[in-house]
């Protein structure tokens, strides 16, 4: 039931982010030609806010749809590890309470195992945080470069000459 709610929420966010992009895009119109579109305004601020609100929404706003599964896979794996290590650590703590209540002490191997679960849980928390921040940064940078034109006329050629050991030519058109 919980998985179904998450899937419905995910689909809703994807559709609403796409509609938000389509509905709130403002147009700059040339004053001499009333019905022609000159350029679209693409906001890095909006991409950042969307990415902060819902992971992957900034990438959808920037029309980088292929990045969304990568973001969710990375977050999903990290959250799965977080929950798994937290559950194992909690189970170990419960067994330690029972052992201490009976007047015994747990063996050193069990204590080391619990510490490994704690360390892995903490690393998973850091991983989730880093992935979340990186997807926000990615959405912001992609929004800044949304209109950046990558021209195919950029080239670099190597032309050896007799009098020179090395010659490199850049052509930027």
C-alpha atoms as a PDB file:
ATOM      1  CA  UNK A   1       0.000   0.000   0.000  1.00  0.00           C
ATOM      2  CA  UNK A   2       2.825   2.373   0.900  1.00  0.00           C
ATOM      3  CA  UNK A   3       4.646   1.546  -2.357  1.00  0.00           C
ATOM      4  CA  UNK A   4       1.490   2.334  -4.340  1.00  0.00           C
ATOM      5  CA  UNK A   5       1.232   5.740  -2.659  1.00  0.00           C
ATOM      6  CA  UNK A   6       4.873   6.490  -3.492  1.00  0.00           C
ATOM      7  CA  UNK A   7       4.386   5.489  -7.138  1.00  0.00           C
ATOM      8  CA  UNK A   8       1.238   7.641  -7.458  1.00  0.00           C
ATOM      9  CA  UNK A   9       3.057  10.584  -5.852  1.00  0.00           C
ATOM     10  CA  UNK A  10       6.026  10.128  -8.188  1.00  0.00           C
ATOM     11  CA  UNK A  11       3.824  10.057 -11.296  1.00  0.00           C
ATOM     12  CA  UNK A  12       1.900  13.104 -10.055  1.00  0.00           C
ATOM     13  CA  UNK A  13       5.114  15.079  -9.498  1.00  0.00           C
ATOM     14  CA  UNK A  14       6.452  14.118 -12.926  1.00  0.00           C
ATOM     15  CA  UNK A  15       3.263  15.219 -14.654  1.00  0.00           C
ATOM     16  CA  UNK A  16       2.869  18.409 -12.632  1.00  0.00           C
ATOM     17  CA  UNK A  17       6.509  19.425 -13.209  1.00  0.00           C
ATOM     18  CA  UNK A  18       6.072  18.937 -16.953  1.00  0.00           C
ATOM     19  CA  UNK A  19       2.827  20.944 -16.929  1.00  0.00           C
ATOM     20  CA  UNK A  20       4.421  23.624 -14.745  1.00  0.00           C
ATOM     21  CA  UNK A  21       7.188  24.027 -17.294  1.00  0.00           C
ATOM     22  CA  UNK A  22       4.719  24.252 -20.150  1.00  0.00           C
ATOM     23  CA  UNK A  23       2.323  26.653 -18.438  1.00  0.00           C
ATOM     24  CA  UNK A  24       4.723  29.067 -16.759  1.00  0.00           C
ATOM     25  CA  UNK A  25       7.184  29.631 -19.590  1.00  0.00           C
ATOM     26  CA  UNK A  26       7.090  33.305 -20.454  1.00  0.00           C
ATOM     27  CA  UNK A  27       7.629  34.602 -23.943  1.00  0.00           C
ATOM     28  CA  UNK A  28       9.464  37.687 -25.106  1.00  0.00           C
ATOM     29  CA  UNK A  29       7.727  39.151 -28.118  1.00  0.00           C
ATOM     30  CA  UNK A  30       9.275  41.479 -30.673  1.00  0.00           C
ATOM     31  CA  UNK A  31       7.431  44.806 -30.714  1.00  0.00           C
ATOM     32  CA  UNK A  32       7.318  44.962 -34.522  1.00  0.00           C
ATOM     33  CA  UNK A  33       5.887  41.458 -34.935  1.00  0.00           C
ATOM     34  CA  UNK A  34       3.152  40.833 -32.396  1.00  0.00           C
ATOM     35  CA  UNK A  35       2.670  37.085 -32.875  1.00  0.00           C
ATOM     36  CA  UNK A  36       6.260  35.844 -33.125  1.00  0.00           C
ATOM     37  CA  UNK A  37       8.187  34.256 -30.310  1.00  0.00           C
ATOM     38  CA  UNK A  38      11.737  35.527 -29.868  1.00  0.00           C
ATOM     39  CA  UNK A  39      13.053  33.477 -26.918  1.00  0.00           C
ATOM     40  CA  UNK A  40      11.979  31.448 -23.905  1.00  0.00           C
ATOM     41  CA  UNK A  41      12.878  32.400 -20.355  1.00  0.00           C
ATOM     42  CA  UNK A  42      14.387  29.432 -18.500  1.00  0.00           C
ATOM     43  CA  UNK A  43      14.903  30.064 -14.796  1.00  0.00           C
ATOM     44  CA  UNK A  44      17.765  28.460 -12.830  1.00  0.00           C
ATOM     45  CA  UNK A  45      16.002  29.559  -9.644  1.00  0.00           C
ATOM     46  CA  UNK A  46      12.910  27.564 -10.581  1.00  0.00           C
ATOM     47  CA  UNK A  47      15.046  24.522 -11.400  1.00  0.00           C
ATOM     48  CA  UNK A  48      16.746  24.782  -8.006  1.00  0.00           C
ATOM     49  CA  UNK A  49      13.465  25.123  -6.123  1.00  0.00           C
ATOM     50  CA  UNK A  50      11.979  22.167  -7.998  1.00  0.00           C
ATOM     51  CA  UNK A  51      15.071  20.037  -7.273  1.00  0.00           C
ATOM     52  CA  UNK A  52      14.950  20.983  -3.591  1.00  0.00           C
ATOM     53  CA  UNK A  53      11.243  20.181  -3.404  1.00  0.00           C
ATOM     54  CA  UNK A  54      11.360  16.816  -5.184  1.00  0.00           C
ATOM     55  CA  UNK A  55      14.528  15.030  -6.285  1.00  0.00           C
ATOM     56  CA  UNK A  56      14.607  14.812 -10.067  1.00  0.00           C
ATOM     57  CA  UNK A  57      12.046  17.569 -10.658  1.00  0.00           C
ATOM     58  CA  UNK A  58      14.787  20.050 -11.594  1.00  0.00           C
ATOM     59  CA  UNK A  59      16.133  17.613 -14.169  1.00  0.00           C
ATOM     60  CA  UNK A  60      12.630  17.239 -15.625  1.00  0.00           C
ATOM     61  CA  UNK A  61      12.286  21.031 -15.802  1.00  0.00           C
ATOM     62  CA  UNK A  62      15.599  21.173 -17.664  1.00  0.00           C
ATOM     63  CA  UNK A  63      14.381  18.449 -20.053  1.00  0.00           C
ATOM     64  CA  UNK A  64      17.148  16.053 -18.947  1.00  0.00           C
ATOM     65  CA  UNK A  65      14.760  13.131 -18.468  1.00  0.00           C
ATOM     66  CA  UNK A  66      17.507  10.503 -18.640  1.00  0.00           C
ATOM     67  CA  UNK A  67      18.997  11.770 -15.363  1.00  0.00           C
ATOM     68  CA  UNK A  68      15.876  11.113 -13.278  1.00  0.00           C
ATOM     69  CA  UNK A  69      16.304   7.303 -13.068  1.00  0.00           C
ATOM     70  CA  UNK A  70      19.955   7.792 -12.106  1.00  0.00           C
ATOM     71  CA  UNK A  71      18.982  10.157  -9.276  1.00  0.00           C
ATOM     72  CA  UNK A  72      16.294   7.812  -7.978  1.00  0.00           C
ATOM     73  CA  UNK A  73      18.474   4.714  -8.284  1.00  0.00           C
ATOM     74  CA  UNK A  74      21.283   6.374  -6.328  1.00  0.00           C
ATOM     75  CA  UNK A  75      18.893   7.655  -3.665  1.00  0.00           C
ATOM     76  CA  UNK A  76      17.037   4.326  -3.515  1.00  0.00           C
ATOM     77  CA  UNK A  77      20.191   2.259  -3.038  1.00  0.00           C
ATOM     78  CA  UNK A  78      21.470   4.622  -0.355  1.00  0.00           C
ATOM     79  CA  UNK A  79      18.136   4.691   1.483  1.00  0.00           C
ATOM     80  CA  UNK A  80      17.854   0.890   1.259  1.00  0.00           C
ATOM     81  CA  UNK A  81      21.323   0.535   2.825  1.00  0.00           C
ATOM     82  CA  UNK A  82      20.394   3.092   5.469  1.00  0.00           C
ATOM     83  CA  UNK A  83      17.224   1.242   6.470  1.00  0.00           C
ATOM     84  CA  UNK A  84      18.896  -2.175   6.337  1.00  0.00           C
ATOM     85  CA  UNK A  85      21.818  -1.146   8.539  1.00  0.00           C
ATOM     86  CA  UNK A  86      19.531   0.701  10.969  1.00  0.00           C
ATOM     87  CA  UNK A  87      17.302  -2.389  11.296  1.00  0.00           C
ATOM     88  CA  UNK A  88      20.275  -4.690  11.859  1.00  0.00           C
ATOM     89  CA  UNK A  89      21.752  -2.313  14.436  1.00  0.00           C
ATOM     90  CA  UNK A  90      18.418  -2.063  16.260  1.00  0.00           C
ATOM     91  CA  UNK A  91      18.101  -5.863  16.336  1.00  0.00           C
ATOM     92  CA  UNK A  92      21.628  -6.147  17.750  1.00  0.00           C
ATOM     93  CA  UNK A  93      20.831  -3.522  20.411  1.00  0.00           C
ATOM     94  CA  UNK A  94      17.683  -5.440  21.401  1.00  0.00           C
ATOM     95  CA  UNK A  95      19.653  -8.671  21.727  1.00  0.00           C
ATOM     96  CA  UNK A  96      22.280  -6.848  23.816  1.00  0.00           C
ATOM     97  CA  UNK A  97      19.552  -5.612  26.176  1.00  0.00           C
ATOM     98  CA  UNK A  98      18.372  -9.177  26.683  1.00  0.00           C
ATOM     99  CA  UNK A  99      21.936 -10.391  27.250  1.00  0.00           C
ATOM    100  CA  UNK A 100      22.700  -7.574  29.718  1.00  0.00           C
ATOM    101  CA  UNK A 101      19.360  -8.157  31.521  1.00  0.00           C
ATOM    102  CA  UNK A 102      20.330 -11.790  32.120  1.00  0.00           C
ATOM    103  CA  UNK A 103      23.597 -10.645  33.725  1.00  0.00           C
ATOM    104  CA  UNK A 104      25.895 -11.706  30.900  1.00  0.00           C
ATOM    105  CA  UNK A 105      28.017  -9.733  28.453  1.00  0.00           C
ATOM    106  CA  UNK A 106      27.872 -10.068  24.653  1.00  0.00           C
ATOM    107  CA  UNK A 107      30.860 -11.508  22.849  1.00  0.00           C
ATOM    108  CA  UNK A 108      33.315  -9.059  21.246  1.00  0.00           C
ATOM    109  CA  UNK A 109      32.430 -10.248  17.744  1.00  0.00           C
ATOM    110  CA  UNK A 110      28.799  -9.177  18.231  1.00  0.00           C
ATOM    111  CA  UNK A 111      29.876  -5.779  19.519  1.00  0.00           C
ATOM    112  CA  UNK A 112      32.139  -5.321  16.497  1.00  0.00           C
ATOM    113  CA  UNK A 113      29.301  -6.337  14.174  1.00  0.00           C
ATOM    114  CA  UNK A 114      26.977  -3.767  15.777  1.00  0.00           C
ATOM    115  CA  UNK A 115      29.625  -1.074  15.350  1.00  0.00           C
ATOM    116  CA  UNK A 116      29.988  -2.016  11.672  1.00  0.00           C
ATOM    117  CA  UNK A 117      26.226  -1.623  11.223  1.00  0.00           C
ATOM    118  CA  UNK A 118      26.422   1.802  12.885  1.00  0.00           C
ATOM    119  CA  UNK A 119      29.319   2.932  10.703  1.00  0.00           C
ATOM    120  CA  UNK A 120      27.576   1.713   7.544  1.00  0.00           C
ATOM    121  CA  UNK A 121      24.353   3.452   8.607  1.00  0.00           C
ATOM    122  CA  UNK A 122      26.216   6.711   9.123  1.00  0.00           C
ATOM    123  CA  UNK A 123      27.920   6.347   5.729  1.00  0.00           C
ATOM    124  CA  UNK A 124      24.513   5.784   4.121  1.00  0.00           C
ATOM    125  CA  UNK A 125      23.174   8.971   5.722  1.00  0.00           C
ATOM    126  CA  UNK A 126      26.127  10.886   4.284  1.00  0.00           C
ATOM    127  CA  UNK A 127      25.604   9.254   0.870  1.00  0.00           C
ATOM    128  CA  UNK A 128      21.914  10.234   0.782  1.00  0.00           C
ATOM    129  CA  UNK A 129      22.825  13.809   1.700  1.00  0.00           C
ATOM    130  CA  UNK A 130      25.568  14.054  -0.936  1.00  0.00           C
ATOM    131  CA  UNK A 131      23.364  12.591  -3.684  1.00  0.00           C
ATOM    132  CA  UNK A 132      20.544  14.989  -2.792  1.00  0.00           C
ATOM    133  CA  UNK A 133      22.850  18.015  -2.870  1.00  0.00           C
ATOM    134  CA  UNK A 134      24.509  16.884  -6.120  1.00  0.00           C
ATOM    135  CA  UNK A 135      21.172  16.535  -7.907  1.00  0.00           C
ATOM    136  CA  UNK A 136      20.251  20.082  -6.818  1.00  0.00           C
ATOM    137  CA  UNK A 137      23.595  21.392  -8.092  1.00  0.00           C
ATOM    138  CA  UNK A 138      23.159  19.458 -11.349  1.00  0.00           C
ATOM    139  CA  UNK A 139      19.700  20.929 -11.915  1.00  0.00           C
ATOM    140  CA  UNK A 140      20.949  24.457 -11.231  1.00  0.00           C
ATOM    141  CA  UNK A 141      23.968  24.156 -13.537  1.00  0.00           C
ATOM    142  CA  UNK A 142      21.885  22.560 -16.303  1.00  0.00           C
ATOM    143  CA  UNK A 143      19.395  25.416 -16.036  1.00  0.00           C
ATOM    144  CA  UNK A 144      22.195  27.962 -16.414  1.00  0.00           C
ATOM    145  CA  UNK A 145      23.434  26.175 -19.542  1.00  0.00           C
ATOM    146  CA  UNK A 146      19.956  25.485 -20.958  1.00  0.00           C
ATOM    147  CA  UNK A 147      20.427  27.847 -23.926  1.00  0.00           C
ATOM    148  CA  UNK A 148      24.137  27.208 -24.367  1.00  0.00           C
ATOM    149  CA  UNK A 149      24.780  26.374 -28.019  1.00  0.00           C
ATOM    150  CA  UNK A 150      27.288  23.625 -28.708  1.00  0.00           C
ATOM    151  CA  UNK A 151      28.453  24.250 -32.246  1.00  0.00           C
ATOM    152  CA  UNK A 152      29.899  21.469 -34.378  1.00  0.00           C
ATOM    153  CA  UNK A 153      32.521  23.850 -35.855  1.00  0.00           C
ATOM    154  CA  UNK A 154      34.835  23.479 -32.846  1.00  0.00           C
ATOM    155  CA  UNK A 155      37.903  21.429 -33.763  1.00  0.00           C
ATOM    156  CA  UNK A 156      41.531  20.809 -32.947  1.00  0.00           C
ATOM    157  CA  UNK A 157      44.026  19.435 -35.491  1.00  0.00           C
ATOM    158  CA  UNK A 158      47.598  18.204 -35.220  1.00  0.00           C
ATOM    159  CA  UNK A 159      49.876  19.238 -38.109  1.00  0.00           C
ATOM    160  CA  UNK A 160      53.528  18.234 -37.766  1.00  0.00           C
ATOM    161  CA  UNK A 161      56.035  20.504 -39.553  1.00  0.00           C
ATOM    162  CA  UNK A 162      59.748  20.149 -40.281  1.00  0.00           C
ATOM    163  CA  UNK A 163      60.987  23.150 -38.321  1.00  0.00           C
ATOM    164  CA  UNK A 164      58.716  22.656 -35.312  1.00  0.00           C
ATOM    165  CA  UNK A 165      58.510  19.741 -32.957  1.00  0.00           C
ATOM    166  CA  UNK A 166      54.854  20.263 -32.145  1.00  0.00           C
ATOM    167  CA  UNK A 167      52.091  22.369 -33.734  1.00  0.00           C
ATOM    168  CA  UNK A 168      48.453  22.479 -32.667  1.00  0.00           C
ATOM    169  CA  UNK A 169      45.739  24.452 -34.430  1.00  0.00           C
ATOM    170  CA  UNK A 170      42.365  25.444 -32.935  1.00  0.00           C
ATOM    171  CA  UNK A 171      39.500  26.473 -35.162  1.00  0.00           C
ATOM    172  CA  UNK A 172      36.584  28.269 -33.534  1.00  0.00           C
ATOM    173  CA  UNK A 173      33.897  29.466 -35.899  1.00  0.00           C
END
